[in-house]
Amino acid sequence: MEARTSIIAISGKSGCGNSTVSRLLADRLHRRLVNFTFHTMAEEMNIPFEKLLELASADTSFDRLLDERQVAMAHEADCVVGSRLAIWLIRDAELKVYLHASSEVRAERIRKREGGAPADVLAFTKKRDGLDRERYLSIYGIDNDRFDFADLVINTERMNPERIVDAIEAAVGGGEKSSNPLPCSEYHGN
């Protein structure tokens, strides 16, 4: 009988620390980081990222393709998957973690990372949250404001990424190492 792949799924809205925490956890546990995004798809299709977003806004098959590929990659070997919908789409994940922070805190983190006027970044963050929620409901019937089924919900507002990883590692079982140790690297497929 084939061993089941061990997957840790981490989700959260933009600016919650999802990418940072997923990368740090994958490194600590010696697991792959699966990170297949629209940026990756645009590169594969040899089109600008903005063009892919335009196409995807009119055709949900791009979202479905991206999500199907990410789920398939997650099942190839033990890994950490960090994506907005990982805890909903990877139903057999060993651990489902939702990272939460207020829109104000997330907007400030995004502003520090990408620049911009605070009020503008906050308005954009709130608008993006609404558009993402509408899209996920339309495509999958997923309400990403409902994460009460997650195994672990962490408010990231007052914790640094290392403390968040400590909490997740404890929930995994004291940091049990993957049966397929690999150096942490973002995995985009082939």
Protein backbone atom coordinates (compact mmCIF):
# COMPACT_ATOMS: atom_id res chain seq x y z
CA MET A 1 0.00 0.00 0.00
CA GLU A 2 1.33 3.38 -0.99
CA ALA A 3 2.08 5.89 1.80
CA ARG A 4 -0.21 8.90 1.95
CA THR A 5 1.32 12.25 1.14
CA SER A 6 1.56 14.57 4.14
CA ILE A 7 0.31 18.05 3.27
CA ILE A 8 0.15 21.13 5.44
CA ALA A 9 -2.26 23.63 3.88
CA ILE A 10 -1.98 27.29 4.87
CA SER A 11 -4.43 29.96 3.74
CA GLY A 12 -5.13 33.59 4.45
CA LYS A 13 -5.91 36.83 2.70
CA SER A 14 -3.31 39.07 1.11
CA GLY A 15 -0.92 40.54 3.67
CA CYS A 16 -1.67 38.04 6.45
CA GLY A 17 1.81 36.49 6.25
CA ASN A 18 0.82 33.41 4.26
CA SER A 19 3.79 33.41 1.87
CA THR A 20 6.38 34.17 4.55
CA VAL A 21 5.02 31.64 7.03
CA SER A 22 4.61 28.91 4.40
CA ARG A 23 8.19 29.39 3.20
CA LEU A 24 9.62 29.39 6.74
CA LEU A 25 7.61 26.30 7.74
CA ALA A 26 8.65 24.38 4.62
CA ASP A 27 12.27 25.21 5.36
CA ARG A 28 12.02 24.20 9.00
CA LEU A 29 10.27 20.89 8.25
CA HIS A 30 12.44 20.15 5.19
CA ARG A 31 9.41 19.98 2.92
CA ARG A 32 8.71 21.36 -0.51
CA LEU A 33 6.85 24.62 -0.75
CA VAL A 34 4.17 24.33 -3.42
CA ASN A 35 3.47 27.76 -4.82
CA PHE A 36 1.76 27.64 -8.18
CA THR A 37 0.29 31.06 -8.95
CA PHE A 38 -1.06 33.19 -11.77
CA HIS A 39 2.49 34.58 -12.10
CA THR A 40 3.71 31.02 -12.77
CA MET A 41 0.93 30.37 -15.29
CA ALA A 42 1.67 33.63 -17.13
CA GLU A 43 5.33 32.64 -17.44
CA GLU A 44 4.38 29.19 -18.74
CA MET A 45 1.98 30.73 -21.26
CA ASN A 46 4.57 33.34 -22.19
CA ILE A 47 2.14 36.21 -21.67
CA PRO A 48 2.27 39.21 -19.33
CA PHE A 49 0.80 38.65 -15.87
CA GLU A 50 -1.70 41.49 -16.39
CA LYS A 51 -2.95 39.85 -19.60
CA LEU A 52 -3.58 36.58 -17.77
CA LEU A 53 -5.53 38.43 -15.07
CA GLU A 54 -7.63 40.05 -17.80
CA LEU A 55 -8.30 36.66 -19.41
CA ALA A 56 -9.08 35.06 -16.05
CA SER A 57 -11.59 37.77 -15.14
CA ALA A 58 -13.69 36.70 -18.14
CA ASP A 59 -13.03 32.95 -18.04
CA THR A 60 -13.08 30.90 -14.82
CA SER A 61 -11.23 28.02 -16.48
CA PHE A 62 -7.94 29.77 -15.63
CA ASP A 63 -8.75 29.71 -11.91
CA ARG A 64 -9.84 26.09 -12.12
CA LEU A 65 -6.69 25.07 -14.02
CA LEU A 66 -4.44 26.84 -11.53
CA ASP A 67 -6.18 25.27 -8.55
CA GLU A 68 -6.26 21.77 -10.09
CA ARG A 69 -2.53 21.94 -10.84
CA GLN A 70 -1.71 23.16 -7.35
CA VAL A 71 -3.71 20.33 -5.75
CA ALA A 72 -2.03 17.78 -8.03
CA MET A 73 1.45 19.13 -7.18
CA ALA A 74 0.61 18.98 -3.48
CA HIS A 75 -0.06 15.24 -3.73
CA GLU A 76 3.30 14.42 -5.36
CA ALA A 77 5.33 14.51 -2.12
CA ASP A 78 5.17 15.80 1.45
CA CYS A 79 4.86 19.58 1.30
CA VAL A 80 3.57 22.87 2.62
CA VAL A 81 1.01 24.53 0.35
CA GLY A 82 0.46 28.22 0.86
CA SER A 83 -2.42 29.64 -1.15
CA ARG A 84 -5.60 31.58 -0.61
CA LEU A 85 -7.76 28.46 -1.09
CA ALA A 86 -5.45 25.65 0.09
CA ILE A 87 -7.47 24.75 3.19
CA TRP A 88 -10.65 24.47 1.14
CA LEU A 89 -9.26 22.70 -1.93
CA ILE A 90 -6.87 20.21 -0.29
CA ARG A 91 -9.46 18.30 1.68
CA ASP A 92 -7.05 15.58 2.83
CA ALA A 93 -4.42 17.94 4.25
CA GLU A 94 -2.82 16.67 7.45
CA LEU A 95 -3.21 20.14 8.95
CA LYS A 96 -5.29 23.09 7.75
CA VAL A 97 -4.09 26.47 9.02
CA TYR A 98 -5.82 29.81 8.52
CA LEU A 99 -3.83 32.98 9.12
CA HIS A 100 -5.95 35.98 10.05
CA ALA A 101 -5.27 39.70 10.40
CA SER A 102 -7.49 42.76 10.10
CA SER A 103 -7.68 44.58 6.77
CA GLU A 104 -5.90 47.54 8.38
CA VAL A 105 -2.92 45.47 9.51
CA ARG A 106 -2.75 43.60 6.20
CA ALA A 107 -2.92 46.85 4.22
CA GLU A 108 -0.04 48.31 6.23
CA ARG A 109 2.08 45.22 5.56
CA ILE A 110 1.28 45.42 1.85
CA ARG A 111 2.11 49.16 1.83
CA LYS A 112 5.49 48.50 3.45
CA ARG A 113 6.21 45.78 0.90
CA GLU A 114 4.88 47.47 -2.23
CA GLY A 115 4.59 51.17 -1.40
CA GLY A 116 1.67 53.52 -1.84
CA ALA A 117 -0.43 55.89 0.21
CA PRO A 118 -1.93 54.24 3.33
CA ALA A 119 -5.54 55.16 2.52
CA ASP A 120 -5.21 53.97 -1.07
CA VAL A 121 -3.65 50.65 -0.08
CA LEU A 122 -6.34 50.07 2.55
CA ALA A 123 -9.11 50.82 0.03
CA PHE A 124 -7.49 48.50 -2.54
CA THR A 125 -7.07 45.73 0.06
CA LYS A 126 -10.73 45.90 1.06
CA LYS A 127 -11.83 45.97 -2.58
CA ARG A 128 -9.60 43.00 -3.43
CA ASP A 129 -10.98 41.05 -0.45
CA GLY A 130 -14.51 41.62 -1.73
CA LEU A 131 -13.67 40.69 -5.32
CA ASP A 132 -11.80 37.56 -4.24
CA ARG A 133 -14.72 36.48 -2.04
CA GLU A 134 -17.20 36.99 -4.89
CA ARG A 135 -14.98 35.05 -7.31
CA TYR A 136 -14.46 32.10 -4.93
CA LEU A 137 -18.20 31.95 -4.19
CA SER A 138 -19.02 32.08 -7.90
CA ILE A 139 -16.53 29.43 -8.99
CA TYR A 140 -16.49 27.01 -6.05
CA GLY A 141 -19.18 28.07 -3.62
CA ILE A 142 -16.35 28.81 -1.15
CA ASP A 143 -16.83 31.64 1.33
CA ASN A 144 -13.29 32.52 2.36
CA ASP A 145 -14.68 34.48 5.31
CA ARG A 146 -15.78 31.11 6.80
CA PHE A 147 -12.71 29.29 8.05
CA ASP A 148 -14.12 27.80 11.25
CA PHE A 149 -13.32 24.26 10.03
CA ALA A 150 -9.57 24.97 9.99
CA ASP A 151 -7.53 22.90 12.44
CA LEU A 152 -5.65 25.98 13.56
CA VAL A 153 -6.56 29.67 13.21
CA ILE A 154 -3.80 32.13 14.06
CA ASN A 155 -4.20 35.87 14.47
CA THR A 156 -0.95 37.13 12.91
CA GLU A 157 -1.30 40.73 14.06
CA ARG A 158 0.92 40.50 17.15
CA MET A 159 3.11 37.51 16.35
CA ASN A 160 6.25 37.49 14.25
CA PRO A 161 6.53 34.84 11.51
CA GLU A 162 8.89 32.64 13.56
CA ARG A 163 6.40 32.42 16.46
CA ILE A 164 3.62 31.57 14.01
CA VAL A 165 5.77 28.78 12.56
CA ASP A 166 6.46 27.55 16.11
CA ALA A 167 2.70 27.26 16.70
CA ILE A 168 2.13 25.40 13.45
CA GLU A 169 5.08 23.11 14.06
CA ALA A 170 3.69 22.23 17.50
CA ALA A 171 0.32 21.42 15.91
CA VAL A 172 2.02 19.13 13.38
CA GLY A 173 3.35 17.06 16.27
CA GLY A 174 6.50 18.59 17.61
CA GLY A 175 8.16 19.17 14.31
CA GLU A 176 8.14 15.66 12.93
CA LYS A 177 10.29 15.68 9.82
CA SER A 178 9.00 14.79 6.40
CA SER A 179 9.69 11.26 5.17
CA ASN A 180 10.99 12.86 1.95
CA PRO A 181 13.30 15.63 3.18
CA LEU A 182 14.09 18.17 0.49
CA PRO A 183 15.66 21.57 0.75
CA CYS A 184 12.96 24.22 0.86
CA SER A 185 12.27 25.53 -2.57
CA GLU A 186 9.22 26.91 -4.24
CA TYR A 187 7.79 24.21 -6.46
CA HIS A 188 6.05 25.24 -9.62
CA GLY A 189 5.84 21.90 -11.38
CA ASN A 190 7.94 20.12 -14.01
